[in-house]
Protein backbone atom coordinates (compact mmCIF):
# COMPACT_ATOMS: atom_id res chain seq x y z
CA MET A 1 99.78 115.45 41.06
CA ALA A 2 103.71 116.06 40.78
CA GLU A 3 104.58 114.65 43.91
CA ARG A 4 103.32 111.01 42.85
CA LYS A 5 105.56 111.24 39.63
CA ARG A 6 108.34 112.48 40.97
CA ARG A 7 108.03 108.84 43.54
CA GLY A 8 107.16 107.18 40.36
CA LEU A 9 103.65 106.51 41.25
CA SER A 10 100.89 106.87 38.49
CA ALA A 11 97.59 109.37 39.66
CA ARG A 12 95.70 105.91 39.76
CA THR A 13 97.98 104.39 42.05
CA THR A 14 96.68 103.92 45.94
CA ILE A 15 98.84 103.30 48.41
CA ARG A 16 97.37 101.09 51.07
CA VAL A 17 99.17 101.18 54.92
CA GLN A 18 97.89 98.62 56.91
CA PRO A 19 99.06 99.51 60.79
CA PRO A 20 101.75 97.52 62.48
CA ALA A 21 100.26 94.44 64.43
CA CYS A 22 101.18 93.41 67.99
CA PRO A 23 103.76 90.85 68.71
CA GLY A 24 102.37 87.40 68.93
CA ARG A 25 99.10 88.38 67.25
CA PRO A 26 98.24 87.98 63.55
CA LEU A 27 98.80 90.39 60.80
CA ALA A 28 95.10 90.72 60.27
CA THR A 29 93.64 91.37 64.00
CA THR A 30 93.40 94.57 65.05
CA PRO A 31 96.85 96.38 65.86
CA CYS A 32 98.53 97.62 69.41
CA HIS A 33 96.34 100.68 70.14
CA ASP A 34 94.98 99.03 73.30
CA PRO A 35 93.15 101.79 76.06
CA VAL A 36 95.26 98.99 78.46
CA PRO A 37 98.64 100.57 79.38
CA ALA A 38 101.67 99.09 78.72
CA LEU A 39 102.32 97.79 81.61
CA ASN A 40 99.42 95.88 82.05
CA ARG A 41 99.62 94.12 79.08
CA PRO A 42 101.30 90.60 78.88
CA ALA A 43 104.72 90.92 77.94
CA SER A 44 104.57 89.37 74.34
CA HIS A 45 102.37 92.42 74.14
CA ARG A 46 104.37 95.51 75.20
CA PRO A 47 106.03 97.98 73.24
CA ALA A 48 110.45 97.24 73.23
CA THR A 49 111.97 99.41 75.64
CA THR A 50 114.93 99.92 73.46
CA PRO A 51 113.93 100.73 70.04
CA PRO A 52 115.74 99.41 67.61
CA ASP A 53 117.55 101.71 66.33
CA ALA A 54 118.75 102.84 69.49
CA ASP A 55 122.67 101.53 68.84
CA GLN A 56 122.86 105.02 65.85
CA ALA A 57 121.30 107.59 69.27
CA PRO A 58 123.98 108.92 71.27
CA CYS A 59 125.51 106.95 73.90
CA PRO A 60 123.77 107.90 76.92
CA CYS A 61 127.40 107.53 78.98
CA ASP A 62 129.35 110.92 79.81
CA LEU A 63 131.47 110.05 76.60
CA GLY A 64 128.67 109.91 74.28
CA GLU A 65 127.88 113.06 75.09
CA SER A 66 131.15 114.95 75.48
CA ARG A 67 132.75 113.49 72.34
CA ARG A 68 129.52 112.58 70.18
CA LEU A 69 129.85 108.23 70.44
CA ARG A 70 126.71 106.86 69.14
CA LEU A 71 125.70 104.10 71.40
CA ALA A 72 127.15 101.04 68.67
CA ASP A 73 130.25 102.70 68.81
CA CYS A 74 130.35 103.58 72.55
CA CYS A 75 128.89 101.21 75.53
CA GLY A 76 126.51 99.10 73.32
CA ARG A 77 129.16 97.24 71.85
CA TRP A 78 129.74 95.65 75.26
CA HIS A 79 126.01 95.15 75.43
CA GLY A 80 125.94 92.45 72.50
CA GLY A 81 127.77 91.39 69.32
CA ALA A 82 131.46 90.10 68.94
CA LEU A 83 132.49 92.68 71.75
CA HIS A 84 129.68 91.33 74.24
CA LEU A 85 130.78 91.49 77.75
CA GLN A 86 134.34 92.21 76.91
CA ALA A 87 134.67 95.65 78.58
CA PRO A 88 138.35 96.36 78.61
CA ASP A 89 138.36 97.72 82.31
CA ALA A 90 136.26 98.46 84.80
CA LEU A 91 135.75 102.39 83.74
CA ALA A 92 134.39 100.93 80.33
CA LEU A 93 132.28 98.35 82.54
CA MET A 94 131.07 101.51 84.88
CA ARG A 95 130.26 103.54 81.65
CA SER A 96 128.02 100.64 79.93
CA ARG A 97 126.42 99.25 83.17
CA TYR A 98 124.83 103.16 83.36
CA SER A 99 123.90 102.90 79.84
CA ALA A 100 122.10 99.85 80.37
CA TYR A 101 120.15 101.31 83.28
CA VAL A 102 118.97 103.56 81.02
CA LEU A 103 118.01 101.31 78.01
CA ASP A 104 116.71 98.83 80.20
CA ARG A 105 119.29 96.17 79.08
CA LEU A 106 118.78 93.94 82.31
CA ASP A 107 119.97 90.82 80.98
CA TYR A 108 123.19 92.91 80.12
CA LEU A 109 123.23 94.05 83.58
CA ARG A 110 122.70 90.63 85.37
CA GLU A 111 125.22 89.06 83.14
CA THR A 112 127.53 92.16 84.86
CA TRP A 113 127.14 91.55 87.95
CA ASP A 114 128.62 89.00 90.48
CA PRO A 115 126.04 86.55 90.28
CA ALA A 116 126.12 85.92 94.05
CA ARG A 117 124.99 89.47 95.06
CA CYS A 118 123.02 90.33 92.04
CA PRO A 119 119.52 90.93 92.84
CA ALA A 120 116.64 88.43 91.82
CA ASP A 121 114.31 91.32 91.62
CA LEU A 122 116.46 93.75 89.11
CA ALA A 123 113.71 95.70 87.66
CA PRO A 124 112.94 98.28 84.65
CA ASN A 125 112.77 101.44 84.75
CA GLU A 126 109.29 102.84 86.50
CA PRO A 127 107.58 104.46 84.31
CA GLY A 128 108.33 108.49 84.31
CA LEU A 129 111.90 107.91 85.50
CA ARG A 130 114.41 110.12 82.80
CA TRP A 131 118.32 109.54 83.53
CA LEU A 132 119.82 112.60 82.78
CA GLY A 133 123.55 111.34 82.77
CA LEU A 134 126.64 110.08 84.37
CA SER A 135 129.69 112.02 85.93
CA ILE A 136 132.66 109.98 86.80
CA ARG A 137 134.15 111.24 89.95
CA ARG A 138 137.34 108.83 90.21
CA HIS A 139 138.71 105.70 88.70
CA GLU A 140 141.09 103.79 91.31
CA VAL A 141 143.25 100.99 89.62
CA ILE A 142 143.87 98.63 92.96
CA ASP A 143 145.63 95.87 90.56
CA ALA A 144 145.35 93.83 87.74
CA ASP A 145 142.07 92.60 88.41
CA HIS A 146 140.51 95.13 90.86
CA ALA A 147 139.34 98.31 90.44
CA ARG A 148 136.83 101.05 92.14
CA VAL A 149 135.08 104.03 90.00
CA SER A 150 133.13 106.48 91.99
CA PHE A 151 130.26 108.37 89.76
CA VAL A 152 127.54 110.42 89.73
CA ALA A 153 124.22 109.16 88.22
CA ARG A 154 121.81 112.11 87.56
CA SER A 155 118.04 111.07 87.23
CA LYS A 156 114.17 112.75 87.40
CA SER A 157 111.20 111.38 88.27
CA GLY A 158 108.17 112.38 89.44
CA GLY A 159 108.99 116.51 88.61
CA LYS A 160 111.90 115.64 91.04
CA ALA A 161 115.52 115.47 90.65
CA HIS A 162 117.64 112.64 92.04
CA ARG A 163 121.26 111.93 92.43
CA LEU A 164 122.71 108.87 92.73
CA VAL A 165 126.49 109.41 93.71
CA GLU A 166 128.28 106.07 94.35
CA THR A 167 131.55 104.31 94.52
CA SER A 168 131.44 100.60 92.88
CA ARG A 169 133.88 97.74 93.15
CA PHE A 170 134.81 95.62 90.13
CA GLU A 171 136.76 92.43 89.93
CA ARG A 172 138.37 90.92 86.83
CA ARG A 173 137.43 87.23 86.64
CA ASP A 174 138.20 84.86 84.07
CA GLY A 175 139.09 87.52 81.98
CA ARG A 176 135.97 89.77 82.08
CA TRP A 177 135.15 92.45 84.52
CA LEU A 178 131.59 92.17 86.85
CA TYR A 179 130.13 94.70 89.21
CA ILE A 180 130.97 92.96 92.94
CA ASP A 181 128.69 96.08 95.04
CA GLY A 182 129.19 99.52 95.84
CA ASP A 183 128.97 102.04 98.69
CA VAL A 184 126.39 104.89 98.37
CA GLY A 185 127.34 108.41 99.19
CA GLU A 186 129.65 111.11 98.25
CA PRO A 187 133.34 109.81 96.43
CA GLY A 188 136.35 110.92 97.77
CA PRO A 189 138.09 114.41 96.05
CA VAL A 190 138.33 113.88 92.42
CA ALA A 191 141.47 113.05 91.53
């Protein structure tokens, strides 16, 4: 009773909470707690892969962890908004692409990939995959429009740890950096 008065509610106030409806369904229909797994539902009825408040969470890249930057203040600014697709260099693009992989922002990955080399079958993360971290090993500026970034991306799936070690090539075209391709394997010495 005291809690209700503190909130400005009388003892007779009844609070009704209606469960949220699935996107694409009228509010009055059954909410989304189908026994059908999310991946087997039509796309319009799947939960969003990136929570709406993700931009307030720490950025998944190594800077988000070490400097405690929010996604919105780090890689997220390149994912959307006024600075969409305007990563200032290959290193910033590399970090933002890692964050996009973690958050299943496939549109961003496609937009920052050389169109001639972007795979048509780019798919979201497999269920149960957890990205654990990114370590930049080397950033090499070749010239004003070409660069390489060597990195290690760690993940865990099915109880097993995995490491993706790659040296990626980037090119700036029309003022925008693009991922061209990469060599998987051990990077050179840390610079």
